[in-house]
Amino acid sequence: EACKLEGNAKLIAGEDRAASDCYEQGIQAAICEGLSGGRLLSQLRSGKAQALLRLGDAEAAFKCCAEAVANDPLNGKAYWRGATAAMKLDRPKKAAEFCR
């Protein structure tokens, strides 16, 4: 949870690389604690995707969003960010799949 809050603060401050790193640290910590899914892991992956989108890495953002949706199918931001990443990659069919 602390990594998520720190990542969110970094995103707001425009420190996208630092935000991505915070979210990744949280993802790794959650996995080490035995989490394999759920809301927190989904939020961390979705936050990392937002940072990656801002950094221009739509491919990695797309993958993060797919994992985020798998972790929590109710994470609306993950769907939106995944569709956005897919459109940046010129994959409209994949974007539409995220919107279903």
C-alpha atoms as a PDB file:
ATOM      1  CA  GLU A   1       0.000   0.000   0.000  1.00  0.00           C
ATOM      2  CA  ALA A   2       2.840   2.423   0.807  1.00  0.00           C
ATOM      3  CA  CYS A   3       4.388   1.888  -2.621  1.00  0.00           C
ATOM      4  CA  LYS A   4       1.051   2.621  -4.261  1.00  0.00           C
ATOM      5  CA  LEU A   5       0.675   5.881  -2.345  1.00  0.00           C
ATOM      6  CA  GLU A   6       4.240   6.910  -3.127  1.00  0.00           C
ATOM      7  CA  GLY A   7       3.775   6.028  -6.795  1.00  0.00           C
ATOM      8  CA  ASN A   8       0.575   8.061  -6.923  1.00  0.00           C
ATOM      9  CA  ALA A   9       2.381  11.064  -5.424  1.00  0.00           C
ATOM     10  CA  LYS A  10       5.193  10.717  -7.958  1.00  0.00           C
ATOM     11  CA  LEU A  11       2.675  10.589 -10.823  1.00  0.00           C
ATOM     12  CA  ILE A  12       0.995  13.751  -9.587  1.00  0.00           C
ATOM     13  CA  ALA A  13       4.415  15.425  -9.361  1.00  0.00           C
ATOM     14  CA  GLY A  14       5.194  14.404 -12.947  1.00  0.00           C
ATOM     15  CA  GLU A  15       7.987  12.051 -11.888  1.00  0.00           C
ATOM     16  CA  ASP A  16       6.870   9.257 -14.166  1.00  0.00           C
ATOM     17  CA  ARG A  17       9.999   7.078 -14.067  1.00  0.00           C
ATOM     18  CA  ALA A  18      10.111   7.257 -10.265  1.00  0.00           C
ATOM     19  CA  ALA A  19       6.389   6.438 -10.136  1.00  0.00           C
ATOM     20  CA  SER A  20       6.884   3.386 -12.340  1.00  0.00           C
ATOM     21  CA  ASP A  21       9.715   2.244 -10.084  1.00  0.00           C
ATOM     22  CA  CYS A  22       7.559   2.671  -6.949  1.00  0.00           C
ATOM     23  CA  TYR A  23       4.737   0.644  -8.433  1.00  0.00           C
ATOM     24  CA  GLU A  24       7.162  -2.086  -9.540  1.00  0.00           C
ATOM     25  CA  GLN A  25       8.626  -2.220  -6.039  1.00  0.00           C
ATOM     26  CA  GLY A  26       5.097  -2.668  -4.687  1.00  0.00           C
ATOM     27  CA  ILE A  27       4.315  -5.393  -7.229  1.00  0.00           C
ATOM     28  CA  GLN A  28       7.435  -7.320  -6.281  1.00  0.00           C
ATOM     29  CA  ALA A  29       6.735  -6.903  -2.560  1.00  0.00           C
ATOM     30  CA  ALA A  30       3.164  -8.124  -3.013  1.00  0.00           C
ATOM     31  CA  ILE A  31       4.337 -11.163  -4.953  1.00  0.00           C
ATOM     32  CA  CYS A  32       6.954 -11.926  -2.290  1.00  0.00           C
ATOM     33  CA  GLU A  33       4.171 -11.766   0.312  1.00  0.00           C
ATOM     34  CA  GLY A  34       2.284 -14.409  -1.628  1.00  0.00           C
ATOM     35  CA  LEU A  35      -0.277 -12.243  -3.408  1.00  0.00           C
ATOM     36  CA  SER A  36      -1.102 -13.575  -6.841  1.00  0.00           C
ATOM     37  CA  GLY A  37      -4.045 -11.332  -7.590  1.00  0.00           C
ATOM     38  CA  GLY A  38      -6.582  -9.004  -6.067  1.00  0.00           C
ATOM     39  CA  ARG A  39      -7.313  -5.335  -5.880  1.00  0.00           C
ATOM     40  CA  LEU A  40      -3.973  -4.028  -4.585  1.00  0.00           C
ATOM     41  CA  LEU A  41      -1.887  -5.866  -7.161  1.00  0.00           C
ATOM     42  CA  SER A  42      -4.271  -4.703  -9.878  1.00  0.00           C
ATOM     43  CA  GLN A  43      -4.018  -1.079  -8.727  1.00  0.00           C
ATOM     44  CA  LEU A  44      -0.223  -1.244  -8.631  1.00  0.00           C
ATOM     45  CA  ARG A  45      -0.103  -2.635 -12.166  1.00  0.00           C
ATOM     46  CA  SER A  46      -2.607  -0.092 -13.432  1.00  0.00           C
ATOM     47  CA  GLY A  47      -0.652   2.750 -11.842  1.00  0.00           C
ATOM     48  CA  LYS A  48       2.542   1.477 -13.386  1.00  0.00           C
ATOM     49  CA  ALA A  49       0.765   1.356 -16.740  1.00  0.00           C
ATOM     50  CA  GLN A  50      -0.188   5.030 -16.414  1.00  0.00           C
ATOM     51  CA  ALA A  51       3.427   5.950 -15.704  1.00  0.00           C
ATOM     52  CA  LEU A  52       4.610   3.843 -18.647  1.00  0.00           C
ATOM     53  CA  LEU A  53       2.081   5.481 -20.960  1.00  0.00           C
ATOM     54  CA  ARG A  54       3.418   8.890 -19.982  1.00  0.00           C
ATOM     55  CA  LEU A  55       6.940   7.629 -20.639  1.00  0.00           C
ATOM     56  CA  GLY A  56       5.931   6.466 -24.119  1.00  0.00           C
ATOM     57  CA  ASP A  57       6.166   2.730 -23.452  1.00  0.00           C
ATOM     58  CA  ALA A  58       2.723   1.690 -24.650  1.00  0.00           C
ATOM     59  CA  GLU A  59       3.735  -1.963 -25.125  1.00  0.00           C
ATOM     60  CA  ALA A  60       4.730  -2.407 -21.480  1.00  0.00           C
ATOM     61  CA  ALA A  61       1.677  -0.420 -20.383  1.00  0.00           C
ATOM     62  CA  PHE A  62      -0.570  -2.732 -22.404  1.00  0.00           C
ATOM     63  CA  LYS A  63       0.923  -5.787 -20.695  1.00  0.00           C
ATOM     64  CA  CYS A  64       0.545  -4.205 -17.241  1.00  0.00           C
ATOM     65  CA  CYS A  65      -3.113  -3.500 -17.944  1.00  0.00           C
ATOM     66  CA  ALA A  66      -3.801  -7.037 -19.107  1.00  0.00           C
ATOM     67  CA  GLU A  67      -2.302  -8.301 -15.840  1.00  0.00           C
ATOM     68  CA  ALA A  68      -4.217  -5.686 -13.831  1.00  0.00           C
ATOM     69  CA  VAL A  69      -7.547  -6.761 -15.344  1.00  0.00           C
ATOM     70  CA  ALA A  70      -6.705 -10.409 -14.679  1.00  0.00           C
ATOM     71  CA  ASN A  71      -5.988  -9.505 -11.034  1.00  0.00           C
ATOM     72  CA  ASP A  72      -9.206  -7.515 -10.593  1.00  0.00           C
ATOM     73  CA  PRO A  73     -11.858  -7.517 -13.339  1.00  0.00           C
ATOM     74  CA  LEU A  74     -13.558  -4.534 -11.641  1.00  0.00           C
ATOM     75  CA  ASN A  75     -10.585  -2.165 -12.103  1.00  0.00           C
ATOM     76  CA  GLY A  76     -12.053   0.332 -14.568  1.00  0.00           C
ATOM     77  CA  LYS A  77      -8.847   2.343 -14.862  1.00  0.00           C
ATOM     78  CA  ALA A  78      -7.002  -0.771 -16.054  1.00  0.00           C
ATOM     79  CA  TYR A  79      -9.489  -1.232 -18.904  1.00  0.00           C
ATOM     80  CA  TRP A  80      -9.254   2.429 -19.916  1.00  0.00           C
ATOM     81  CA  ARG A  81      -5.460   2.498 -19.775  1.00  0.00           C
ATOM     82  CA  GLY A  82      -5.227  -0.815 -21.629  1.00  0.00           C
ATOM     83  CA  ALA A  83      -7.457   0.473 -24.419  1.00  0.00           C
ATOM     84  CA  THR A  84      -5.437   3.694 -24.556  1.00  0.00           C
ATOM     85  CA  ALA A  85      -2.185   1.726 -24.818  1.00  0.00           C
ATOM     86  CA  ALA A  86      -3.654  -0.487 -27.540  1.00  0.00           C
ATOM     87  CA  MET A  87      -4.681   2.560 -29.577  1.00  0.00           C
ATOM     88  CA  LYS A  88      -1.192   4.044 -29.225  1.00  0.00           C
ATOM     89  CA  LEU A  89       0.118   0.743 -30.595  1.00  0.00           C
ATOM     90  CA  ASP A  90      -2.358   0.950 -33.522  1.00  0.00           C
ATOM     91  CA  ARG A  91      -4.227  -2.128 -32.291  1.00  0.00           C
ATOM     92  CA  PRO A  92      -7.878  -1.049 -32.388  1.00  0.00           C
ATOM     93  CA  LYS A  93      -9.184  -4.624 -32.074  1.00  0.00           C
ATOM     94  CA  LYS A  94      -7.237  -5.071 -28.844  1.00  0.00           C
ATOM     95  CA  ALA A  95      -8.556  -1.717 -27.609  1.00  0.00           C
ATOM     96  CA  ALA A  96     -12.101  -2.879 -28.325  1.00  0.00           C
ATOM     97  CA  GLU A  97     -11.440  -6.104 -26.407  1.00  0.00           C
ATOM     98  CA  PHE A  98     -10.478  -4.046 -23.362  1.00  0.00           C
ATOM     99  CA  CYS A  99     -13.765  -2.175 -23.660  1.00  0.00           C
ATOM    100  CA  ARG A 100     -15.976  -5.268 -23.588  1.00  0.00           C
END
